[in-house]
Amino acid sequence: MKVFLLKDVERIGMAGQMISVTPGYATNFLFPKKLAVEITPENEKQFLSKIRIVEKHKEVVATKTSMLAEKIKHIELKIKRKMADGDKLYGSISAGDIVDLFAAEGISVAKNQIEFGKSIKTKGLHEFTVKLSSTLKPVCTIKVIPE
C-alpha cells in the first residue's frame, strides 16, 4: 500500500515521502495516529506536487543548517566557574549551560542537540558535538576558566 508521510516516522521515512508499507501497518498504526495518508490513483498527482514542494524546502533548510554548522565550528565558548583544588569544578558543565552560551552568541540550539564525549569537570579546553542533523555534527570547543 502506498502512503504519503505527514510526519517523520522512525525507521520508516521522513515527512513528505511517498513510501510503500503493508496494509496492516498503515491501517493500524499510521492512519490512526495521523502520520500518513493513503495514496490512491485519484490523489497521486496532488501528492507528487507536494513532494516537489517538500524537496525544495529541504534544500533551503539544508543550506541554512550547513551555514550554521560552519558558524558553530569557528566559535570558541568561554565559561567561568568556581574551582576546587586548583582545576576541578564544583559541579560539571551541562548542556543547558552551553545552550545559554550559544544564545549569547545569537545561535539557537536545543539541549538535546548537545552531545558530550564525557562530562566536563575540569578547567581547560573541552570538545563537544552539536547535532544539527543526522549528517551535520560540528565539533565545538569550550574553555573552562576559574572564576
Protein backbone atom coordinates (compact mmCIF):
# COMPACT_ATOMS: atom_id res chain seq x y z
CA MET A 1 0.00 0.00 0.00
CA LYS A 2 1.35 3.42 -0.96
CA VAL A 3 1.18 6.16 1.68
CA PHE A 4 2.31 9.78 1.94
CA LEU A 5 4.01 10.53 5.27
CA LEU A 6 2.70 13.61 7.04
CA LYS A 7 5.25 13.38 9.87
CA ASP A 8 8.64 11.73 10.34
CA VAL A 9 8.32 8.07 11.35
CA GLU A 10 11.40 6.45 12.84
CA ARG A 11 12.88 3.67 10.69
CA ILE A 12 10.18 4.24 8.03
CA GLY A 13 10.74 7.64 6.44
CA MET A 14 10.66 11.40 6.60
CA ALA A 15 7.69 13.71 6.28
CA GLY A 16 6.84 14.37 2.65
CA GLN A 17 7.95 10.99 1.34
CA MET A 18 5.84 8.55 -0.61
CA ILE A 19 6.55 5.01 0.61
CA SER A 20 5.10 1.51 0.41
CA VAL A 21 4.05 -0.22 3.62
CA THR A 22 1.96 -3.23 4.50
CA PRO A 23 -1.78 -2.56 4.68
CA GLY A 24 -1.97 -3.69 8.30
CA TYR A 25 0.78 -1.31 9.42
CA ALA A 26 -0.90 1.56 7.60
CA THR A 27 -4.43 0.95 8.92
CA ASN A 28 -3.43 0.01 12.47
CA PHE A 29 -0.58 2.44 13.15
CA LEU A 30 -0.02 5.19 10.58
CA PHE A 31 -3.61 6.23 9.83
CA PRO A 32 -4.97 6.33 13.44
CA LYS A 33 -2.02 8.45 14.60
CA LYS A 34 -2.39 10.73 11.56
CA LEU A 35 1.18 10.03 10.48
CA ALA A 36 0.30 9.18 6.87
CA VAL A 37 -2.42 9.39 4.22
CA GLU A 38 -3.25 6.68 1.70
CA ILE A 39 -2.32 7.42 -1.90
CA THR A 40 -4.94 6.50 -4.44
CA PRO A 41 -4.72 6.91 -8.23
CA GLU A 42 -7.02 9.95 -7.92
CA ASN A 43 -4.89 11.88 -5.43
CA GLU A 44 -1.42 10.69 -6.53
CA LYS A 45 -0.76 13.79 -8.70
CA GLN A 46 -1.62 16.05 -5.78
CA PHE A 47 0.90 14.30 -3.52
CA LEU A 48 3.58 14.35 -6.22
CA SER A 49 3.32 18.14 -6.32
CA LYS A 50 3.55 18.23 -2.50
CA ILE A 51 6.70 16.11 -2.68
CA ARG A 52 8.33 18.67 -5.00
CA ILE A 53 7.48 21.46 -2.56
CA VAL A 54 8.88 19.47 0.36
CA GLU A 55 12.11 18.75 -1.57
CA LYS A 56 12.63 22.47 -2.26
CA HIS A 57 12.01 23.24 1.41
CA LYS A 58 14.54 20.56 2.45
CA GLU A 59 17.19 22.13 0.18
CA VAL A 60 16.66 25.53 1.79
CA VAL A 61 16.85 24.04 5.29
CA ALA A 62 19.98 22.07 4.37
CA THR A 63 21.81 25.18 3.19
CA LYS A 64 20.81 27.13 6.30
CA THR A 65 21.89 24.22 8.51
CA SER A 66 25.26 23.91 6.77
CA MET A 67 25.85 27.64 7.21
CA LEU A 68 25.00 27.30 10.90
CA ALA A 69 27.42 24.35 11.18
CA GLU A 70 30.25 26.46 9.75
CA LYS A 71 29.45 29.25 12.18
CA ILE A 72 29.42 26.83 15.13
CA LYS A 73 32.76 25.25 14.14
CA HIS A 74 34.59 28.56 14.46
CA ILE A 75 33.16 29.65 17.81
CA GLU A 76 35.17 29.10 20.98
CA LEU A 77 32.95 29.39 24.01
CA LYS A 78 34.28 30.51 27.39
CA ILE A 79 32.70 29.90 30.77
CA LYS A 80 33.85 30.95 34.25
CA ARG A 81 33.20 28.58 37.13
CA LYS A 82 34.29 28.17 40.74
CA MET A 83 37.07 25.65 41.17
CA ALA A 84 38.01 23.32 43.99
CA ASP A 85 41.57 22.04 44.48
CA GLY A 86 43.03 24.08 41.67
CA ASP A 87 41.50 22.73 38.48
CA LYS A 88 38.39 20.70 39.42
CA LEU A 89 34.91 22.18 39.15
CA TYR A 90 32.41 22.02 41.99
CA GLY A 91 29.87 20.62 39.54
CA SER A 92 30.02 19.95 35.83
CA ILE A 93 29.17 21.87 32.68
CA SER A 94 25.71 20.89 31.45
CA ALA A 95 24.07 21.09 28.06
CA GLY A 96 21.90 23.90 29.42
CA ASP A 97 24.99 25.97 30.18
CA ILE A 98 26.22 25.52 26.61
CA VAL A 99 22.80 26.40 25.17
CA ASP A 100 22.89 29.63 27.20
CA LEU A 101 26.38 30.46 25.85
CA PHE A 102 25.22 29.84 22.28
CA ALA A 103 22.16 32.06 22.90
CA ALA A 104 24.50 34.86 23.99
CA GLU A 105 26.27 34.45 20.62
CA GLY A 106 22.93 34.62 18.77
CA ILE A 107 22.74 30.90 17.92
CA SER A 108 19.67 28.88 18.82
CA VAL A 109 20.20 25.20 19.68
CA ALA A 110 18.35 22.80 21.97
CA LYS A 111 19.74 20.89 24.94
CA ASN A 112 19.19 17.54 23.24
CA GLN A 113 21.43 18.64 20.34
CA ILE A 114 24.50 18.94 22.61
CA GLU A 115 26.50 15.71 22.91
CA PHE A 116 29.44 15.23 25.27
CA GLY A 117 32.10 12.54 24.95
CA LYS A 118 32.48 12.66 28.73
CA SER A 119 31.27 15.14 31.31
CA ILE A 120 33.23 18.36 31.70
CA LYS A 121 34.53 18.62 35.28
CA THR A 122 37.96 20.26 34.93
CA LYS A 123 39.34 23.55 33.66
CA GLY A 124 40.84 23.85 30.20
CA LEU A 125 39.67 23.22 26.64
CA HIS A 126 36.99 20.58 26.06
CA GLU A 127 35.28 19.45 22.85
CA PHE A 128 31.62 18.61 22.34
CA THR A 129 29.38 17.90 19.37
CA VAL A 130 26.31 19.82 18.24
CA LYS A 131 23.92 17.51 16.40
CA LEU A 132 22.20 19.72 13.83
CA SER A 133 21.00 16.85 11.65
CA SER A 134 21.78 13.20 11.10
CA THR A 135 24.72 14.15 8.88
CA LEU A 136 25.82 17.56 10.23
CA LYS A 137 27.54 17.24 13.59
CA PRO A 138 30.07 20.05 14.02
CA VAL A 139 32.59 19.80 16.84
CA CYS A 140 32.94 22.87 19.04
CA THR A 141 35.26 23.75 21.93
CA ILE A 142 34.55 25.29 25.30
CA LYS A 143 37.19 26.82 27.53
CA VAL A 144 36.55 26.48 31.25
CA ILE A 145 38.37 29.13 33.27
CA PRO A 146 38.44 29.74 37.05
CA GLU A 147 36.27 32.46 38.46
